[in-house]
Amino acid sequence: DSAAAAALFTTLPSFSGGTLSFALVAHRFGEATFNITDTSVSPVVSYRLLSIQVSPVNDPPSFTLAPSIEMEEDEGRWAGMAVVSISAGPLEDALQQVSFSMHVDATPAELFSQPPTLLQNGSLSFTVAPGLFGIAHFMFSASDD
């Protein structure tokens, strides 16, 4: 039907020289059915039914990192948002749950007295060991259902 086709295609399907061409609307899925008329062998006209099924795709989640964290020696505990603008993806992905994993590479290795913890809402917390200073590189990755 024309409503299903309008929702799926920016350029409706067409045949030319035996080649089917069409352009899809981004992040849409569903099925549309078309009646194809072949007039290449005149005066005989043949009709065919063409169904195009567009399957959903699991788009990757996305997120933005908050600005770098800078602390003074002996400042102790830090807590705040490290991951923001968390999105499971467009349309059909929006209801999926996003989960994070984190890898920390700290120099010196004993930089933290309380190791970094990342909650699923993007909140990060850690405590720097007294008398220590250094650099920690945090690597975050996101996945969804």
N, C-alpha and C. Protein backbone atom coordinates (compact mmCIF):
# COMPACT_ATOMS: atom_id res chain seq x y z
N ASP A 1 0.83 -1.19 0.00
CA ASP A 1 0.00 0.00 0.00
C ASP A 1 0.87 1.24 0.00
N SER A 2 0.31 2.35 -0.37
CA SER A 2 1.10 3.57 -0.55
C SER A 2 1.59 4.15 0.78
N ALA A 3 0.85 3.95 1.87
CA ALA A 3 1.31 4.45 3.18
C ALA A 3 2.55 3.69 3.64
N ALA A 4 2.57 2.38 3.46
CA ALA A 4 3.74 1.58 3.83
C ALA A 4 4.94 1.97 2.98
N ALA A 5 4.71 2.18 1.69
CA ALA A 5 5.80 2.57 0.79
C ALA A 5 6.35 3.94 1.16
N ALA A 6 5.48 4.88 1.47
CA ALA A 6 5.94 6.23 1.84
C ALA A 6 6.77 6.20 3.11
N ALA A 7 6.45 5.29 4.04
CA ALA A 7 7.19 5.19 5.29
C ALA A 7 8.56 4.54 5.10
N LEU A 8 8.73 3.71 4.08
CA LEU A 8 9.97 2.96 3.89
C LEU A 8 10.94 3.56 2.88
N PHE A 9 10.41 4.25 1.85
CA PHE A 9 11.25 4.63 0.72
C PHE A 9 11.32 6.14 0.54
N THR A 10 12.53 6.64 0.28
CA THR A 10 12.67 8.03 -0.16
C THR A 10 12.52 8.09 -1.67
N THR A 11 12.91 7.01 -2.35
CA THR A 11 12.68 6.86 -3.79
C THR A 11 11.97 5.53 -3.98
N LEU A 12 10.77 5.58 -4.52
CA LEU A 12 9.98 4.36 -4.70
C LEU A 12 10.67 3.39 -5.66
N PRO A 13 10.45 2.10 -5.48
CA PRO A 13 11.05 1.10 -6.37
C PRO A 13 10.63 1.31 -7.82
N SER A 14 11.59 1.09 -8.70
CA SER A 14 11.30 1.16 -10.13
C SER A 14 12.20 0.17 -10.86
N PHE A 15 11.72 -0.31 -12.04
CA PHE A 15 12.49 -1.21 -12.89
C PHE A 15 12.96 -0.44 -14.11
N SER A 16 14.19 -0.69 -14.48
CA SER A 16 14.70 -0.13 -15.72
C SER A 16 15.75 -1.10 -16.25
N GLY A 17 15.52 -1.62 -17.46
CA GLY A 17 16.47 -2.55 -18.06
C GLY A 17 16.66 -3.81 -17.23
N GLY A 18 15.62 -4.22 -16.50
CA GLY A 18 15.71 -5.43 -15.68
C GLY A 18 16.34 -5.22 -14.32
N THR A 19 16.66 -3.96 -13.97
CA THR A 19 17.28 -3.66 -12.68
C THR A 19 16.28 -2.95 -11.77
N LEU A 20 16.16 -3.45 -10.57
CA LEU A 20 15.30 -2.84 -9.56
C LEU A 20 16.10 -1.79 -8.79
N SER A 21 15.56 -0.59 -8.67
CA SER A 21 16.22 0.49 -7.94
C SER A 21 15.25 1.11 -6.94
N PHE A 22 15.78 1.48 -5.76
CA PHE A 22 14.99 2.19 -4.75
C PHE A 22 15.94 2.75 -3.71
N ALA A 23 15.45 3.69 -2.90
CA ALA A 23 16.22 4.25 -1.79
C ALA A 23 15.36 4.20 -0.54
N LEU A 24 15.97 3.74 0.56
CA LEU A 24 15.26 3.55 1.83
C LEU A 24 15.36 4.77 2.74
N VAL A 25 14.33 4.97 3.55
CA VAL A 25 14.36 5.95 4.62
C VAL A 25 15.25 5.36 5.73
N ALA A 26 16.14 6.15 6.27
CA ALA A 26 17.05 5.67 7.32
C ALA A 26 16.27 5.22 8.56
N HIS A 27 16.71 4.14 9.17
CA HIS A 27 16.19 3.63 10.44
C HIS A 27 14.72 3.22 10.38
N ARG A 28 14.26 2.80 9.22
CA ARG A 28 12.88 2.32 9.09
C ARG A 28 12.90 0.87 8.64
N PHE A 29 11.89 0.12 9.02
CA PHE A 29 11.76 -1.26 8.58
C PHE A 29 10.30 -1.60 8.41
N GLY A 30 10.05 -2.65 7.67
CA GLY A 30 8.68 -3.08 7.41
C GLY A 30 8.59 -3.72 6.04
N GLU A 31 7.37 -3.84 5.53
CA GLU A 31 7.15 -4.49 4.24
C GLU A 31 6.24 -3.62 3.39
N ALA A 32 6.54 -3.59 2.10
CA ALA A 32 5.68 -2.88 1.14
C ALA A 32 5.50 -3.79 -0.07
N THR A 33 4.31 -3.76 -0.64
CA THR A 33 3.97 -4.60 -1.78
C THR A 33 3.60 -3.71 -2.95
N PHE A 34 4.08 -4.09 -4.15
CA PHE A 34 3.85 -3.30 -5.36
C PHE A 34 3.34 -4.19 -6.47
N ASN A 35 2.50 -3.62 -7.32
CA ASN A 35 2.10 -4.27 -8.56
C ASN A 35 3.02 -3.76 -9.65
N ILE A 36 3.71 -4.69 -10.31
CA ILE A 36 4.64 -4.33 -11.38
C ILE A 36 3.98 -4.67 -12.71
N THR A 37 4.03 -3.73 -13.63
CA THR A 37 3.46 -3.92 -14.95
C THR A 37 4.60 -4.00 -15.95
N ASP A 38 4.62 -5.09 -16.73
CA ASP A 38 5.65 -5.27 -17.76
C ASP A 38 5.01 -5.00 -19.11
N THR A 39 5.44 -3.95 -19.74
CA THR A 39 4.90 -3.59 -21.06
C THR A 39 5.98 -3.74 -22.13
N SER A 40 7.06 -4.46 -21.81
CA SER A 40 8.16 -4.57 -22.76
C SER A 40 7.82 -5.42 -23.98
N VAL A 41 6.83 -6.28 -23.88
CA VAL A 41 6.42 -7.13 -25.01
C VAL A 41 5.01 -6.71 -25.42
N SER A 42 4.93 -5.61 -26.11
CA SER A 42 3.63 -5.09 -26.53
C SER A 42 3.06 -5.96 -27.63
N PRO A 43 1.82 -6.23 -27.74
CA PRO A 43 0.70 -5.70 -26.98
C PRO A 43 0.41 -6.51 -25.73
N VAL A 44 1.24 -7.52 -25.38
CA VAL A 44 1.00 -8.33 -24.19
C VAL A 44 1.46 -7.55 -22.97
N VAL A 45 0.63 -7.50 -21.96
CA VAL A 45 0.98 -6.83 -20.71
C VAL A 45 0.92 -7.88 -19.61
N SER A 46 1.99 -7.94 -18.80
CA SER A 46 1.95 -8.89 -17.68
C SER A 46 2.10 -8.12 -16.38
N TYR A 47 1.47 -8.68 -15.37
CA TYR A 47 1.48 -8.06 -14.05
C TYR A 47 2.15 -9.00 -13.06
N ARG A 48 2.92 -8.43 -12.17
CA ARG A 48 3.59 -9.21 -11.13
C ARG A 48 3.42 -8.47 -9.81
N LEU A 49 3.41 -9.25 -8.74
CA LEU A 49 3.35 -8.69 -7.40
C LEU A 49 4.76 -8.75 -6.81
N LEU A 50 5.25 -7.63 -6.32
CA LEU A 50 6.59 -7.55 -5.73
C LEU A 50 6.46 -7.10 -4.28
N SER A 51 7.01 -7.90 -3.36
CA SER A 51 7.04 -7.52 -1.95
C SER A 51 8.48 -7.25 -1.56
N ILE A 52 8.71 -6.16 -0.87
CA ILE A 52 10.05 -5.82 -0.38
C ILE A 52 9.97 -5.77 1.14
N GLN A 53 10.77 -6.63 1.77
CA GLN A 53 10.82 -6.71 3.24
C GLN A 53 12.13 -6.06 3.70
N VAL A 54 12.02 -5.03 4.53
CA VAL A 54 13.19 -4.36 5.10
C VAL A 54 13.28 -4.76 6.57
N SER A 55 14.35 -5.44 6.93
CA SER A 55 14.53 -5.95 8.29
C SER A 55 15.15 -4.90 9.19
N PRO A 56 14.80 -4.90 10.48
CA PRO A 56 15.41 -3.94 11.41
C PRO A 56 16.88 -4.29 11.67
N VAL A 57 17.64 -3.28 12.00
CA VAL A 57 19.06 -3.46 12.31
C VAL A 57 19.29 -2.98 13.74
N ASN A 58 20.18 -3.63 14.44
CA ASN A 58 20.52 -3.19 15.78
C ASN A 58 21.66 -2.17 15.67
N ASP A 59 21.29 -0.90 15.71
CA ASP A 59 22.30 0.16 15.64
C ASP A 59 23.09 0.19 16.95
N PRO A 60 24.37 0.55 16.88
CA PRO A 60 25.17 0.57 18.11
C PRO A 60 24.74 1.71 19.02
N PRO A 61 24.90 1.53 20.32
CA PRO A 61 24.62 2.63 21.24
C PRO A 61 25.68 3.71 21.09
N SER A 62 25.36 4.89 21.56
CA SER A 62 26.33 5.99 21.50
C SER A 62 26.35 6.72 22.84
N PHE A 63 27.44 7.43 23.06
CA PHE A 63 27.59 8.22 24.29
C PHE A 63 28.67 9.26 24.06
N THR A 64 28.71 10.22 24.96
CA THR A 64 29.72 11.28 24.93
C THR A 64 30.46 11.25 26.26
N LEU A 65 31.76 11.46 26.20
CA LEU A 65 32.54 11.53 27.44
C LEU A 65 32.54 12.95 27.97
N ALA A 66 32.44 13.06 29.28
CA ALA A 66 32.54 14.37 29.93
C ALA A 66 33.99 14.85 29.80
N PRO A 67 34.24 16.12 30.07
CA PRO A 67 35.61 16.63 29.97
C PRO A 67 36.57 15.88 30.90
N SER A 68 37.86 16.03 30.63
CA SER A 68 38.89 15.38 31.45
C SER A 68 38.75 15.76 32.92
N ILE A 69 39.16 14.83 33.76
CA ILE A 69 39.11 15.04 35.20
C ILE A 69 40.51 15.42 35.67
N GLU A 70 40.60 16.52 36.39
CA GLU A 70 41.89 16.93 36.96
C GLU A 70 41.70 17.12 38.45
N MET A 71 42.65 16.57 39.21
CA MET A 71 42.58 16.65 40.67
C MET A 71 43.95 17.03 41.22
N GLU A 72 43.95 17.54 42.43
CA GLU A 72 45.20 17.82 43.14
C GLU A 72 45.56 16.60 43.99
N GLU A 73 46.85 16.43 44.24
CA GLU A 73 47.30 15.36 45.12
C GLU A 73 46.59 15.48 46.46
N ASP A 74 46.23 14.36 47.04
CA ASP A 74 45.54 14.27 48.33
C ASP A 74 44.13 14.86 48.32
N GLU A 75 43.56 15.06 47.14
CA GLU A 75 42.19 15.55 47.06
C GLU A 75 41.19 14.47 47.44
N GLY A 76 41.59 13.20 47.33
CA GLY A 76 40.75 12.11 47.81
C GLY A 76 39.74 11.60 46.81
N ARG A 77 38.45 11.65 47.23
CA ARG A 77 37.37 11.04 46.44
C ARG A 77 36.88 11.99 45.35
N TRP A 78 36.58 11.40 44.20
CA TRP A 78 35.94 12.13 43.11
C TRP A 78 34.72 11.35 42.68
N ALA A 79 33.63 12.07 42.42
CA ALA A 79 32.41 11.44 41.90
C ALA A 79 31.73 12.43 40.97
N GLY A 80 31.26 11.93 39.85
CA GLY A 80 30.57 12.78 38.89
C GLY A 80 30.21 12.01 37.64
N MET A 81 29.63 12.71 36.69
CA MET A 81 29.22 12.09 35.43
C MET A 81 30.42 12.04 34.48
N ALA A 82 30.77 10.85 34.07
CA ALA A 82 31.88 10.67 33.13
C ALA A 82 31.35 10.37 31.73
N VAL A 83 30.18 9.74 31.67
CA VAL A 83 29.56 9.38 30.40
C VAL A 83 28.19 10.07 30.35
N VAL A 84 27.97 10.84 29.29
CA VAL A 84 26.71 11.59 29.15
C VAL A 84 26.11 11.33 27.77
N SER A 85 24.94 11.85 27.56
CA SER A 85 24.23 11.71 26.27
C SER A 85 24.18 10.24 25.83
N ILE A 86 23.76 9.37 26.72
CA ILE A 86 23.71 7.94 26.45
C ILE A 86 22.47 7.64 25.60
N SER A 87 22.69 6.95 24.48
CA SER A 87 21.58 6.61 23.59
C SER A 87 21.71 5.16 23.13
N ALA A 88 20.61 4.42 23.20
CA ALA A 88 20.60 3.04 22.72
C ALA A 88 20.55 2.98 21.20
N GLY A 89 20.21 4.09 20.57
CA GLY A 89 20.10 4.14 19.11
C GLY A 89 18.74 4.68 18.71
N PRO A 90 18.52 4.83 17.42
CA PRO A 90 17.28 5.42 16.94
C PRO A 90 16.10 4.44 16.98
N LEU A 91 14.93 4.98 16.95
CA LEU A 91 13.64 4.30 16.82
C LEU A 91 13.56 2.93 17.48
N GLU A 92 13.75 1.86 16.69
CA GLU A 92 13.52 0.51 17.21
C GLU A 92 14.52 0.11 18.29
N ASP A 93 15.64 0.83 18.41
CA ASP A 93 16.65 0.52 19.43
C ASP A 93 16.40 1.26 20.74
N ALA A 94 15.54 2.26 20.72
CA ALA A 94 15.39 3.17 21.85
C ALA A 94 15.01 2.48 23.16
N LEU A 95 14.34 1.35 23.11
CA LEU A 95 13.94 0.67 24.34
C LEU A 95 14.97 -0.31 24.88
N GLN A 96 16.07 -0.45 24.17
CA GLN A 96 17.11 -1.37 24.62
C GLN A 96 17.86 -0.78 25.81
N GLN A 97 18.42 -1.66 26.63
CA GLN A 97 19.22 -1.24 27.78
C GLN A 97 20.68 -1.14 27.36
N VAL A 98 21.31 -0.04 27.70
CA VAL A 98 22.73 0.17 27.41
C VAL A 98 23.53 -0.18 28.66
N SER A 99 24.59 -0.95 28.47
CA SER A 99 25.48 -1.27 29.59
C SER A 99 26.91 -0.89 29.20
N PHE A 100 27.69 -0.56 30.21
CA PHE A 100 29.06 -0.08 29.98
C PHE A 100 30.08 -1.02 30.58
N SER A 101 31.23 -1.03 29.97
CA SER A 101 32.40 -1.66 30.57
C SER A 101 33.50 -0.61 30.58
N MET A 102 34.44 -0.79 31.50
CA MET A 102 35.48 0.22 31.69
C MET A 102 36.80 -0.49 31.94
N HIS A 103 37.84 0.03 31.34
CA HIS A 103 39.20 -0.44 31.61
C HIS A 103 40.00 0.78 32.06
N VAL A 104 40.77 0.62 33.12
CA VAL A 104 41.57 1.73 33.65
C VAL A 104 43.03 1.32 33.63
N ASP A 105 43.84 2.20 33.07
CA ASP A 105 45.29 2.01 33.05
C ASP A 105 45.89 3.17 33.84
N ALA A 106 46.35 2.89 35.07
CA ALA A 106 46.84 3.95 35.96
C ALA A 106 48.35 3.83 36.18
N THR A 107 48.99 4.98 36.24
CA THR A 107 50.42 5.05 36.56
C THR A 107 50.58 6.05 37.71
N PRO A 108 51.00 5.62 38.87
CA PRO A 108 51.38 4.27 39.25
C PRO A 108 50.15 3.37 39.40
N ALA A 109 50.37 2.07 39.37
CA ALA A 109 49.28 1.09 39.43
C ALA A 109 48.47 1.20 40.71
N GLU A 110 49.09 1.64 41.82
CA GLU A 110 48.40 1.75 43.11
C GLU A 110 47.82 3.15 43.33
N LEU A 111 47.56 3.88 42.25
CA LEU A 111 47.06 5.26 42.32
C LEU A 111 45.75 5.38 43.11
N PHE A 112 44.91 4.38 43.05
CA PHE A 112 43.60 4.46 43.68
C PHE A 112 43.54 3.63 44.96
N SER A 113 43.00 4.24 46.03
CA SER A 113 42.73 3.47 47.24
C SER A 113 41.34 2.83 47.15
N GLN A 114 40.44 3.48 46.43
CA GLN A 114 39.14 2.90 46.07
C GLN A 114 39.11 2.88 44.56
N PRO A 115 39.08 1.70 43.94
CA PRO A 115 39.15 1.63 42.48
C PRO A 115 37.96 2.32 41.82
N PRO A 116 38.15 2.80 40.60
CA PRO A 116 37.07 3.45 39.87
C PRO A 116 35.88 2.51 39.67
N THR A 117 34.69 3.08 39.85
CA THR A 117 33.43 2.36 39.65
C THR A 117 32.57 3.18 38.71
N LEU A 118 32.05 2.53 37.69
CA LEU A 118 31.18 3.20 36.72
C LEU A 118 29.79 2.60 36.83
N LEU A 119 28.80 3.42 37.14
CA LEU A 119 27.41 2.98 37.16
C LEU A 119 26.84 3.05 35.75
N GLN A 120 25.74 2.34 35.51
CA GLN A 120 25.15 2.30 34.18
C GLN A 120 24.55 3.63 33.73
N ASN A 121 24.35 4.56 34.66
CA ASN A 121 23.85 5.89 34.28
C ASN A 121 24.98 6.83 33.87
N GLY A 122 26.24 6.34 33.89
CA GLY A 122 27.38 7.15 33.48
C GLY A 122 28.13 7.80 34.62
N SER A 123 27.72 7.55 35.85
CA SER A 123 28.36 8.14 37.02
C SER A 123 29.63 7.36 37.36
N LEU A 124 30.72 8.08 37.56
CA LEU A 124 32.02 7.50 37.88
C LEU A 124 32.45 7.98 39.26
N SER A 125 33.04 7.08 40.04
CA SER A 125 33.60 7.49 41.33
C SER A 125 34.88 6.71 41.59
N PHE A 126 35.78 7.34 42.33
CA PHE A 126 37.04 6.71 42.72
C PHE A 126 37.66 7.55 43.83
N THR A 127 38.64 6.97 44.51
CA THR A 127 39.39 7.69 45.53
C THR A 127 40.88 7.51 45.25
N VAL A 128 41.58 8.63 45.17
CA VAL A 128 43.03 8.59 44.95
C VAL A 128 43.71 8.31 46.29
N ALA A 129 44.70 7.43 46.26
CA ALA A 129 45.41 7.06 47.49
C ALA A 129 46.17 8.27 48.04
N PRO A 130 46.21 8.42 49.37
CA PRO A 130 46.91 9.56 49.98
C PRO A 130 48.39 9.57 49.59
N GLY A 131 48.86 10.77 49.27
CA GLY A 131 50.27 10.96 48.94
C GLY A 131 50.67 10.53 47.54
N LEU A 132 49.72 10.06 46.73
CA LEU A 132 50.06 9.63 45.37
C LEU A 132 49.50 10.59 44.33
N PHE A 133 50.21 10.65 43.25
CA PHE A 133 49.74 11.41 42.09
C PHE A 133 50.14 10.62 40.85
N GLY A 134 49.49 10.90 39.74
CA GLY A 134 49.79 10.17 38.51
C GLY A 134 48.74 10.42 37.46
N ILE A 135 48.69 9.53 36.51
CA ILE A 135 47.76 9.64 35.38
C ILE A 135 46.99 8.34 35.27
N ALA A 136 45.71 8.47 35.01
CA ALA A 136 44.88 7.29 34.75
C ALA A 136 44.16 7.50 33.43
N HIS A 137 44.24 6.50 32.57
CA HIS A 137 43.51 6.51 31.29
C HIS A 137 42.32 5.59 31.45
N PHE A 138 41.14 6.14 31.18
CA PHE A 138 39.90 5.37 31.27
C PHE A 138 39.43 5.07 29.86
N MET A 139 39.08 3.82 29.60
CA MET A 139 38.53 3.41 28.31
C MET A 139 37.14 2.82 28.56
N PHE A 140 36.14 3.41 27.91
CA PHE A 140 34.77 2.99 28.10
C PHE A 140 34.24 2.36 26.80
N SER A 141 33.41 1.35 26.96
CA SER A 141 32.70 0.80 25.80
C SER A 141 31.26 0.55 26.22
N ALA A 142 30.37 0.68 25.23
CA ALA A 142 28.94 0.50 25.49
C ALA A 142 28.41 -0.63 24.62
N SER A 143 27.44 -1.36 25.16
CA SER A 143 26.75 -2.40 24.38
C SER A 143 25.26 -2.33 24.75
N ASP A 144 24.44 -2.92 23.91
CA ASP A 144 23.00 -2.95 24.21
C ASP A 144 22.47 -4.35 24.00
N ASP A 145 21.17 -4.53 24.30
CA ASP A 145 20.53 -5.86 24.20
C ASP A 145 20.67 -6.45 22.82
